[in-house]
Amino acid sequence: QNIVDANMLSVLEEVQDIASSSVREADIERRYNELVAAWKDQELTFSEFKNRGFIILKGDDTYNIKEGLEEASLAVNSMLSSRYCDFMRDDVKALLNKLVAVSETLGTWIEVQATWMY
């Protein structure tokens, strides 16, 4: 059958919906991969403390990491709220759990460090 006689208009809306969903899914996957890549090599930095070595988290760097964790968590929550996230929801949830765990651990570390230093 040739293209003109194939009655393509009858499925046009369905094809457009599929294409639109694919674009949105690809965007979620791209944002997920960017977040994973950004946090993969993130490192804590330390300052020297009373000639005992580099054992204290650096304030500004740690603050930036903590702030970045909060921003990343918001971005991941935004992805999870999208219906287009279903195809990789488990991976996105796992990333959120890791970000939250790191943020909570870092927060506790900062509190303990402040108490220990003074």
Foldseek 3Di string as FASTA:
>chain_A
DDPVPPPVVVCVVVVVVVVVLVVVLVVLVVLLVVVCVVPVPDDWFFDDDPPPDGDHTDDVSLVVLLVVLVVVLVVLVVLLVDPSNVVPNVVSVVVNVVSVVVNVVSVVVNVVRVVVND
